[in-house]
């Protein structure tokens, strides 16, 4: 567990270096360009974007703390540059969480056999936690649509895009890593923390446990909301029966909606 928190502390120290800040700023600018110019809005519920490439690069180079911060900055700046509806902090936090997850999986990565495994794991986790659970919850709350009603379409969209995203990340992230290490020789130090290549399996175990806990909490919350909805439906139905009984007792004609 100490190694897990050390990962965040080490990532935070990356912000003290001016060179790192410049690279992070360029990647944030790239994220905004990709998000605002190449993204395709399919509907209110779905948008196809390639900005995740820049965010994954930030997480890979500078870790989860920087990834979380960059995610918040890109979402806020994106809204300021191109507002789309009312600002909602939930989407900002979801975007930041995505950057954090990329940092957890990709920080300390080397251009070796483990990189593709890290990419697949990172993208799958972001899809499940951010895209399917949290974003779907936020959209359903804003637009008043049922969580389960819009979930199937989002699952199909994310499953279809998943292999494409993995291929793009597998192409561009090694290039970013190679360019960075060539331009700044000795600047990137890879330690043997919990999510290093040497301890990757242990790091994966932590993430899987966290994912299972999140899914479990989501299931409990969904069951609670379902029970609450059922109780309210029963109350409304009982009240409706009482109203019908009163109309019948008083021999009054019940007005219709058109009246």
Protein backbone atom coordinates (compact mmCIF):
# COMPACT_ATOMS: atom_id res chain seq x y z
CA UNK A 1 0.00 0.00 0.00
CA UNK A 2 2.94 2.32 0.69
CA UNK A 3 4.07 1.88 -2.91
CA UNK A 4 0.59 2.79 -4.12
CA UNK A 5 0.58 6.17 -2.36
CA UNK A 6 4.22 6.75 -3.33
CA UNK A 7 3.07 6.62 -6.96
CA UNK A 8 0.84 9.67 -6.40
CA UNK A 9 3.51 11.53 -4.44
CA UNK A 10 6.12 10.94 -7.13
CA UNK A 11 3.68 12.02 -9.80
CA UNK A 12 2.95 15.27 -7.93
CA UNK A 13 6.67 16.07 -7.89
CA UNK A 14 6.66 16.04 -11.69
CA UNK A 15 4.83 19.38 -11.54
CA UNK A 16 7.85 21.07 -9.94
CA UNK A 17 9.89 20.79 -13.14
CA UNK A 18 9.49 23.60 -15.71
CA UNK A 19 10.31 21.24 -18.59
CA UNK A 20 7.55 18.89 -17.48
CA UNK A 21 5.07 21.75 -17.23
CA UNK A 22 5.85 22.79 -20.80
CA UNK A 23 5.32 19.27 -22.13
CA UNK A 24 2.12 18.88 -20.11
CA UNK A 25 0.84 22.21 -21.49
CA UNK A 26 1.53 21.05 -25.06
CA UNK A 27 -0.27 17.76 -24.48
CA UNK A 28 -3.23 19.57 -22.91
CA UNK A 29 -3.36 21.81 -25.99
CA UNK A 30 -3.29 18.70 -28.20
CA UNK A 31 -6.11 17.18 -26.13
CA UNK A 32 -8.23 20.30 -26.66
CA UNK A 33 -7.54 20.36 -30.40
CA UNK A 34 -8.54 16.71 -30.76
CA UNK A 35 -11.59 17.18 -28.53
CA UNK A 36 -12.89 20.33 -30.21
CA UNK A 37 -12.08 19.64 -33.86
CA UNK A 38 -12.12 15.88 -34.46
CA UNK A 39 -14.75 14.71 -31.94
CA UNK A 40 -18.04 13.50 -33.42
CA UNK A 41 -21.24 14.01 -31.42
CA UNK A 42 -23.51 11.09 -32.26
CA UNK A 43 -26.28 12.10 -29.85
CA UNK A 44 -26.79 13.68 -26.43
CA UNK A 45 -25.65 10.37 -24.99
CA UNK A 46 -22.65 9.56 -27.19
CA UNK A 47 -19.60 11.38 -28.52
CA UNK A 48 -16.67 9.85 -30.39
CA UNK A 49 -13.38 11.57 -29.56
CA UNK A 50 -9.67 10.85 -29.93
CA UNK A 51 -8.53 13.23 -27.19
CA UNK A 52 -7.81 10.20 -24.98
CA UNK A 53 -4.49 9.76 -26.83
CA UNK A 54 -3.08 12.98 -25.39
CA UNK A 55 -4.51 12.23 -21.94
CA UNK A 56 -3.01 8.73 -21.99
CA UNK A 57 0.35 10.26 -22.95
CA UNK A 58 0.19 12.61 -19.96
CA UNK A 59 -0.62 9.72 -17.64
CA UNK A 60 2.19 7.61 -19.09
CA UNK A 61 4.84 10.32 -18.77
CA UNK A 62 3.81 11.99 -15.51
CA UNK A 63 1.55 9.69 -13.52
CA UNK A 64 -1.91 9.68 -11.90
CA UNK A 65 -1.71 12.96 -9.99
CA UNK A 66 -0.76 14.93 -13.09
CA UNK A 67 -3.27 12.95 -15.15
CA UNK A 68 -6.07 13.87 -12.73
CA UNK A 69 -5.08 17.55 -12.77
CA UNK A 70 -4.75 17.64 -16.54
CA UNK A 71 -8.16 16.00 -16.94
CA UNK A 72 -9.80 18.74 -14.88
CA UNK A 73 -7.97 21.48 -16.79
CA UNK A 74 -8.86 20.12 -20.23
CA UNK A 75 -12.54 19.75 -19.38
CA UNK A 76 -12.82 23.25 -17.92
CA UNK A 77 -10.87 24.88 -20.78
CA UNK A 78 -12.89 22.89 -23.32
CA UNK A 79 -16.11 24.23 -21.85
CA UNK A 80 -14.78 27.81 -21.79
CA UNK A 81 -13.65 27.62 -25.43
CA UNK A 82 -16.72 25.80 -26.73
CA UNK A 83 -19.64 25.70 -24.26
CA UNK A 84 -22.12 22.89 -24.89
CA UNK A 85 -25.04 23.18 -22.51
CA UNK A 86 -24.75 23.95 -18.81
CA UNK A 87 -21.46 23.26 -17.04
CA UNK A 88 -21.61 20.16 -14.84
CA UNK A 89 -18.80 19.38 -12.39
CA UNK A 90 -19.60 15.67 -12.62
CA UNK A 91 -18.23 15.46 -16.16
CA UNK A 92 -15.11 17.35 -15.08
CA UNK A 93 -14.45 14.87 -12.29
CA UNK A 94 -15.10 11.93 -14.62
CA UNK A 95 -12.61 13.35 -17.13
CA UNK A 96 -10.09 13.82 -14.32
CA UNK A 97 -10.64 10.25 -13.11
CA UNK A 98 -9.90 9.01 -16.62
CA UNK A 99 -6.55 10.81 -16.57
CA UNK A 100 -5.84 9.32 -13.14
CA UNK A 101 -6.57 5.78 -14.37
CA UNK A 102 -4.30 6.22 -17.39
CA UNK A 103 -1.59 7.36 -14.98
CA UNK A 104 -2.10 4.35 -12.71
CA UNK A 105 -1.69 1.86 -15.54
CA UNK A 106 0.85 3.60 -17.76
CA UNK A 107 3.17 5.48 -15.39
CA UNK A 108 6.66 3.94 -15.27
CA UNK A 109 5.90 2.07 -18.50
CA UNK A 110 8.73 1.12 -20.83
CA UNK A 111 8.56 0.41 -24.53
CA UNK A 112 8.53 -3.36 -24.07
CA UNK A 113 6.15 -6.34 -24.14
CA UNK A 114 4.18 -5.01 -21.15
CA UNK A 115 3.18 -1.75 -22.83
CA UNK A 116 0.34 -3.24 -24.89
CA UNK A 117 -0.94 -5.11 -21.81
CA UNK A 118 -0.94 -1.84 -19.88
CA UNK A 119 -2.77 -0.06 -22.72
CA UNK A 120 -5.49 -2.72 -22.95
CA UNK A 121 -5.93 -2.75 -19.16
CA UNK A 122 -6.03 1.06 -18.92
CA UNK A 123 -8.53 1.48 -21.74
CA UNK A 124 -10.79 -1.32 -20.49
CA UNK A 125 -10.84 0.16 -16.97
CA UNK A 126 -11.58 3.68 -18.25
CA UNK A 127 -14.44 2.32 -20.37
CA UNK A 128 -16.03 0.39 -17.52
CA UNK A 129 -15.63 2.97 -14.74
CA UNK A 130 -15.78 6.30 -16.57
CA UNK A 131 -17.72 5.66 -19.77
CA UNK A 132 -20.27 3.02 -18.82
CA UNK A 133 -20.84 3.60 -15.10
CA UNK A 134 -20.12 7.22 -14.16
CA UNK A 135 -20.80 9.01 -17.46
CA UNK A 136 -23.96 6.98 -18.01
CA UNK A 137 -25.11 7.89 -14.49
CA UNK A 138 -24.41 11.61 -15.08
CA UNK A 139 -26.19 11.63 -18.45
CA UNK A 140 -29.24 9.83 -17.07
CA UNK A 141 -29.41 12.33 -14.21
CA UNK A 142 -29.16 15.37 -16.50
CA UNK A 143 -31.50 14.28 -19.29
CA UNK A 144 -33.90 12.37 -17.08
CA UNK A 145 -33.34 9.13 -18.98
CA UNK A 146 -33.22 5.80 -17.21
CA UNK A 147 -29.73 4.45 -16.51
CA UNK A 148 -30.56 1.07 -18.02
CA UNK A 149 -32.41 2.63 -20.96
CA UNK A 150 -29.31 4.26 -22.45
CA UNK A 151 -26.76 1.71 -21.24
CA UNK A 152 -27.11 -0.84 -24.11
CA UNK A 153 -26.37 1.74 -26.83
CA UNK A 154 -23.35 3.01 -24.91
CA UNK A 155 -22.06 -0.53 -24.38
CA UNK A 156 -22.28 -1.24 -28.12
CA UNK A 157 -20.55 2.03 -28.96
CA UNK A 158 -17.70 1.47 -26.49
CA UNK A 159 -17.21 -2.18 -27.49
CA UNK A 160 -17.02 -1.18 -31.15
CA UNK A 161 -14.55 1.63 -30.44
CA UNK A 162 -12.42 -0.32 -27.95
CA UNK A 163 -10.18 -2.19 -30.46
CA UNK A 164 -9.72 0.99 -32.51
CA UNK A 165 -8.69 2.94 -29.40
CA UNK A 166 -6.26 0.21 -28.35
CA UNK A 167 -4.66 0.15 -31.80
CA UNK A 168 -4.28 3.95 -31.82
CA UNK A 169 -2.73 3.96 -28.35
CA UNK A 170 -0.42 1.07 -29.28
CA UNK A 171 0.80 3.08 -32.27
CA UNK A 172 1.16 6.54 -30.76
CA UNK A 173 2.25 5.92 -27.15
CA UNK A 174 5.48 4.07 -28.11
CA UNK A 175 6.27 6.96 -30.48
CA UNK A 176 5.63 9.49 -27.70
CA UNK A 177 7.80 7.48 -25.31
CA UNK A 178 10.61 7.18 -27.84
CA UNK A 179 10.49 10.87 -28.76
CA UNK A 180 10.43 11.94 -25.11
CA UNK A 181 13.38 9.78 -24.06
CA UNK A 182 15.36 10.90 -27.12
CA UNK A 183 14.66 14.60 -26.56
CA UNK A 184 15.21 14.52 -22.79
CA UNK A 185 17.88 11.91 -22.19
CA UNK A 186 17.97 10.76 -18.55
CA UNK A 187 14.98 12.92 -17.62
CA UNK A 188 12.57 10.02 -17.23
CA UNK A 189 13.47 7.74 -14.35
CA UNK A 190 11.52 4.50 -14.10
CA UNK A 191 11.35 3.19 -10.53
CA UNK A 192 10.13 -0.16 -9.25
CA UNK A 193 6.91 1.01 -7.64
CA UNK A 194 3.76 -1.02 -7.37
CA UNK A 195 2.77 -0.30 -10.97
CA UNK A 196 6.23 -0.76 -12.45
CA UNK A 197 6.90 -3.50 -14.98
CA UNK A 198 8.46 -5.70 -12.30
CA UNK A 199 5.42 -5.41 -10.00
CA UNK A 200 2.73 -5.00 -12.65
CA UNK A 201 0.75 -8.08 -11.56
CA UNK A 202 0.56 -6.74 -8.00
CA UNK A 203 -0.58 -3.37 -9.32
CA UNK A 204 -3.23 -5.03 -11.45
CA UNK A 205 -4.50 -6.84 -8.35
CA UNK A 206 -5.00 -3.50 -6.59
CA UNK A 207 -6.93 -2.08 -9.54
CA UNK A 208 -9.10 -5.19 -9.93
CA UNK A 209 -10.00 -5.06 -6.24
CA UNK A 210 -10.89 -1.38 -6.53
CA UNK A 211 -12.95 -2.10 -9.64
CA UNK A 212 -14.85 -4.90 -7.90
CA UNK A 213 -15.53 -2.62 -4.94
CA UNK A 214 -16.84 0.09 -7.27
CA UNK A 215 -19.08 -2.34 -9.14
CA UNK A 216 -20.35 -3.73 -5.83
CA UNK A 217 -21.15 -0.26 -4.51
CA UNK A 218 -22.87 0.60 -7.80
CA UNK A 219 -24.96 -2.55 -7.56
CA UNK A 220 -25.98 -1.78 -3.98
CA UNK A 221 -26.89 1.80 -4.93
CA UNK A 222 -28.88 0.61 -7.95
CA UNK A 223 -30.79 -1.90 -5.82
CA UNK A 224 -31.54 0.80 -3.25
CA UNK A 225 -32.86 3.15 -5.94
CA UNK A 226 -34.94 0.35 -7.46
CA UNK A 227 -36.50 -0.48 -4.07
CA UNK A 228 -37.20 3.19 -3.46
CA UNK A 229 -38.80 3.51 -6.89
CA UNK A 230 -40.94 0.43 -6.28
CA UNK A 231 -42.08 1.78 -2.91
CA UNK A 232 -43.05 5.11 -4.43
CA UNK A 233 -44.91 3.32 -7.23
CA UNK A 234 -46.87 1.32 -4.66
CA UNK A 235 -47.76 4.50 -2.75
CA UNK A 236 -48.91 6.26 -5.93
CA UNK A 237 -50.97 3.23 -6.95
CA UNK A 238 -52.64 3.08 -3.52
CA UNK A 239 -53.43 6.80 -3.65
CA UNK A 240 -54.89 6.39 -7.13
CA UNK A 241 -57.15 3.59 -5.90
CA UNK A 242 -58.36 5.79 -3.03
CA UNK A 243 -59.19 8.61 -5.46
CA UNK A 244 -61.09 6.24 -7.74
CA UNK A 245 -63.01 4.91 -4.72
CA UNK A 246 -63.98 8.45 -3.65
CA UNK A 247 -65.26 9.30 -7.12
CA UNK A 248 -67.28 6.09 -7.10
CA UNK A 249 -68.73 6.74 -3.64
CA UNK A 250 -69.72 10.31 -4.52
CA UNK A 251 -71.04 9.17 -7.89
CA UNK A 252 -68.95 11.73 -9.72
CA UNK A 253 -67.50 11.38 -13.17
CA UNK A 254 -63.74 11.30 -13.05
CA UNK A 255 -62.24 13.99 -15.34
CA UNK A 256 -59.95 12.84 -18.12
CA UNK A 257 -56.61 14.35 -19.07
CA UNK A 258 -58.09 16.10 -22.12
CA UNK A 259 -60.52 18.00 -19.92
